[in-house]
């Protein structure tokens, strides 16, 4: 198969085909996978760490690790879940490395009021997520943002299943409380 030197014209090629080429060492195919998955991966990491620069650094580390480890991928169809697992591991490794110099893993950031953005009812979910403990945020983002089951989260994070369930429940309740200001209430008096 002959390809243009300026980059592989993958267009609408199925991801499985692109993954198969990348596993075989095709750099253009891997570049296409990065192009297709980088926004999703960076957004996942941004929700976890609440720091865009750190999320971008971690995403770059994940893609580098993915390129090096791609030949070990057992199933072509498992690529998205495998990449997500690499991202979770990178985030957890960052937390372990930063733990002595930062706040404890279960400490939440100070609670500050969440203000309604002027001109609309846009929910500032990222700010609310930042007020959860790191473990709660991790479990909530994986459960609701990534659609992972409690068992999958437990396996991916090495947290006990009961702990994952507790983090998801506590985090969800805390988010509801934090975001309650965004819910329309009958008869609520508005200042202004």
Protein backbone atom coordinates (compact mmCIF):
# COMPACT_ATOMS: atom_id res chain seq x y z
CA UNK A 1 0.00 0.00 0.00
CA UNK A 2 1.45 3.36 -1.07
CA UNK A 3 0.70 6.50 0.94
CA UNK A 4 1.42 10.16 0.45
CA UNK A 5 4.52 11.32 2.32
CA UNK A 6 2.72 14.36 3.71
CA UNK A 7 0.61 12.13 5.96
CA UNK A 8 -1.74 9.24 5.62
CA UNK A 9 -5.10 10.20 4.12
CA UNK A 10 -7.17 8.16 6.55
CA UNK A 11 -10.33 10.20 6.12
CA UNK A 12 -13.21 8.15 7.41
CA UNK A 13 -11.22 4.94 7.92
CA UNK A 14 -12.49 2.81 10.78
CA UNK A 15 -10.53 3.33 13.98
CA UNK A 16 -9.82 -0.41 14.18
CA UNK A 17 -7.99 -0.27 10.84
CA UNK A 18 -5.96 2.75 11.93
CA UNK A 19 -5.11 1.05 15.25
CA UNK A 20 -3.98 -2.08 13.39
CA UNK A 21 -1.63 -0.01 11.22
CA UNK A 22 -0.30 1.85 14.26
CA UNK A 23 0.37 -1.44 16.08
CA UNK A 24 2.45 -2.42 13.07
CA UNK A 25 4.60 0.67 13.59
CA UNK A 26 2.94 3.07 11.14
CA UNK A 27 3.68 6.54 12.56
CA UNK A 28 1.14 8.22 10.27
CA UNK A 29 -1.57 5.92 11.59
CA UNK A 30 -0.60 6.74 15.17
CA UNK A 31 -0.62 10.45 14.33
CA UNK A 32 -4.17 9.96 13.06
CA UNK A 33 -5.15 8.23 16.33
CA UNK A 34 -3.71 11.16 18.27
CA UNK A 35 -5.65 13.58 16.07
CA UNK A 36 -8.89 11.65 16.65
CA UNK A 37 -8.46 11.12 20.40
CA UNK A 38 -6.52 14.10 21.72
CA UNK A 39 -9.51 16.34 22.53
CA UNK A 40 -11.30 13.56 24.39
CA UNK A 41 -8.15 12.61 26.33
CA UNK A 42 -7.25 16.19 27.22
CA UNK A 43 -10.82 16.89 28.37
CA UNK A 44 -10.80 13.77 30.57
CA UNK A 45 -7.53 14.83 32.18
CA UNK A 46 -8.71 18.43 32.59
CA UNK A 47 -11.79 17.22 34.47
CA UNK A 48 -9.55 15.13 36.70
CA UNK A 49 -6.84 17.67 37.51
CA UNK A 50 -8.58 21.03 36.97
CA UNK A 51 -5.35 22.40 35.49
CA UNK A 52 -5.26 22.76 31.69
CA UNK A 53 -1.46 22.95 31.47
CA UNK A 54 -1.02 19.85 33.63
CA UNK A 55 -3.72 18.04 31.64
CA UNK A 56 -1.91 18.83 28.40
CA UNK A 57 1.41 17.59 29.86
CA UNK A 58 -0.22 14.39 31.09
CA UNK A 59 -1.95 13.85 27.73
CA UNK A 60 1.40 14.15 25.99
CA UNK A 61 2.88 11.59 28.40
CA UNK A 62 -0.06 9.26 27.77
CA UNK A 63 0.33 9.42 23.99
CA UNK A 64 4.07 8.82 24.28
CA UNK A 65 3.43 5.81 26.53
CA UNK A 66 0.72 4.62 24.13
CA UNK A 67 3.10 4.76 21.15
CA UNK A 68 5.73 2.78 23.05
CA UNK A 69 3.23 0.25 24.42
CA UNK A 70 0.92 -0.11 21.42
CA UNK A 71 2.39 -3.46 20.34
CA UNK A 72 1.21 -4.91 23.67
CA UNK A 73 -2.44 -4.01 22.99
CA UNK A 74 -4.26 -7.34 22.99
CA UNK A 75 -7.41 -6.29 21.12
CA UNK A 76 -7.68 -3.62 18.46
CA UNK A 77 -11.23 -2.82 19.61
CA UNK A 78 -10.00 -2.18 23.15
CA UNK A 79 -7.95 0.86 22.11
CA UNK A 80 -10.26 3.55 23.63
CA UNK A 81 -10.53 1.76 26.99
CA UNK A 82 -6.79 1.02 26.95
CA UNK A 83 -5.97 4.68 26.26
CA UNK A 84 -8.34 5.77 29.05
CA UNK A 85 -6.59 3.35 31.41
CA UNK A 86 -3.21 4.86 30.48
CA UNK A 87 -4.64 8.32 31.26
CA UNK A 88 -5.98 7.20 34.64
CA UNK A 89 -2.63 5.62 35.49
CA UNK A 90 -0.80 8.81 34.47
CA UNK A 91 -3.10 10.89 36.70
CA UNK A 92 -2.69 8.51 39.65
CA UNK A 93 1.10 8.45 39.18
CA UNK A 94 1.11 12.25 39.18
CA UNK A 95 -0.91 12.28 42.42
CA UNK A 96 1.49 9.83 44.08
CA UNK A 97 4.52 11.85 42.98
CA UNK A 98 2.99 15.16 44.09
CA UNK A 99 1.45 13.88 47.34
CA UNK A 100 4.26 14.85 49.75
CA UNK A 101 4.38 18.43 48.46
CA UNK A 102 0.63 19.01 48.25
CA UNK A 103 -2.53 18.54 50.26
CA UNK A 104 -3.65 15.05 51.24
CA UNK A 105 -5.49 13.08 48.54
CA UNK A 106 -8.81 13.26 50.38
CA UNK A 107 -8.71 16.97 51.17
CA UNK A 108 -11.11 19.05 49.16
CA UNK A 109 -10.34 22.53 47.98
CA UNK A 110 -11.87 25.29 50.10
CA UNK A 111 -15.52 25.77 49.35
CA UNK A 112 -16.14 28.99 47.52
CA UNK A 113 -19.54 30.09 46.31
CA UNK A 114 -20.26 29.21 42.71
CA UNK A 115 -21.59 32.28 40.98
CA UNK A 116 -23.99 32.16 38.07
CA UNK A 117 -22.20 33.42 34.98
CA UNK A 118 -23.68 36.69 33.76
CA UNK A 119 -26.06 36.33 30.87
CA UNK A 120 -27.21 32.74 31.21
CA UNK A 121 -27.67 29.59 33.14
CA UNK A 122 -24.38 27.97 32.13
CA UNK A 123 -23.40 25.39 34.73
CA UNK A 124 -19.83 25.67 35.89
CA UNK A 125 -19.36 21.98 36.39
CA UNK A 126 -15.57 22.17 36.30
CA UNK A 127 -15.53 24.56 39.24
CA UNK A 128 -17.91 22.32 41.17
CA UNK A 129 -15.82 19.24 40.37
CA UNK A 130 -12.74 21.06 41.63
CA UNK A 131 -14.37 21.30 45.06
CA UNK A 132 -14.59 17.52 45.42
CA UNK A 133 -11.76 15.51 46.93
CA UNK A 134 -9.39 14.07 44.35
CA UNK A 135 -10.73 10.53 44.79
CA UNK A 136 -14.36 11.68 44.62
CA UNK A 137 -13.61 13.72 41.49
CA UNK A 138 -11.81 10.77 39.90
CA UNK A 139 -14.69 8.38 40.58
CA UNK A 140 -17.42 10.84 39.56
CA UNK A 141 -15.67 11.80 36.31
CA UNK A 142 -15.10 8.16 35.40
CA UNK A 143 -18.66 7.15 36.32
CA UNK A 144 -20.56 9.97 34.67
CA UNK A 145 -18.11 11.49 32.22
CA UNK A 146 -16.73 8.20 30.90
CA UNK A 147 -19.71 5.94 31.60
CA UNK A 148 -17.64 3.41 33.52
CA UNK A 149 -19.29 0.99 35.95
CA UNK A 150 -18.25 0.92 39.60
CA UNK A 151 -16.44 -2.36 38.94
CA UNK A 152 -14.54 -0.87 35.99
CA UNK A 153 -13.55 2.14 38.09
CA UNK A 154 -12.39 -0.14 40.88
CA UNK A 155 -10.26 -2.14 38.45
CA UNK A 156 -8.84 0.98 36.79
CA UNK A 157 -7.99 2.83 40.01
CA UNK A 158 -7.18 -0.08 42.37
CA UNK A 159 -9.70 1.37 44.84
CA UNK A 160 -11.95 -1.16 46.62
CA UNK A 161 -15.42 -1.46 45.06
CA UNK A 162 -17.16 -0.17 48.21
CA UNK A 163 -14.85 2.85 48.29
CA UNK A 164 -15.63 3.63 44.66
CA UNK A 165 -19.37 3.43 45.38
CA UNK A 166 -18.96 5.74 48.38
CA UNK A 167 -16.90 8.27 46.41
CA UNK A 168 -19.44 8.31 43.57
CA UNK A 169 -22.36 8.73 45.97
CA UNK A 170 -20.70 11.42 48.14
CA UNK A 171 -19.37 13.25 45.11
CA UNK A 172 -22.74 13.19 43.39
CA UNK A 173 -24.51 14.50 46.48
CA UNK A 174 -21.91 17.24 46.88
CA UNK A 175 -22.25 18.25 43.23
CA UNK A 176 -26.02 18.43 43.59
CA UNK A 177 -25.60 20.73 46.57
CA UNK A 178 -23.00 22.90 44.83
CA UNK A 179 -25.03 23.15 41.63
CA UNK A 180 -28.39 23.65 43.35
CA UNK A 181 -28.15 27.37 42.61
CA UNK A 182 -28.58 26.52 38.93
CA UNK A 183 -31.91 24.74 39.46
CA UNK A 184 -34.99 26.83 38.84
CA UNK A 185 -37.16 26.96 41.95
CA UNK A 186 -40.80 27.95 42.06
CA UNK A 187 -41.32 31.18 43.92
CA UNK A 188 -37.58 31.89 44.37
CA UNK A 189 -37.04 35.61 44.80
CA UNK A 190 -34.41 37.03 42.49
CA UNK A 191 -32.29 39.96 43.53
CA UNK A 192 -31.69 42.61 41.00
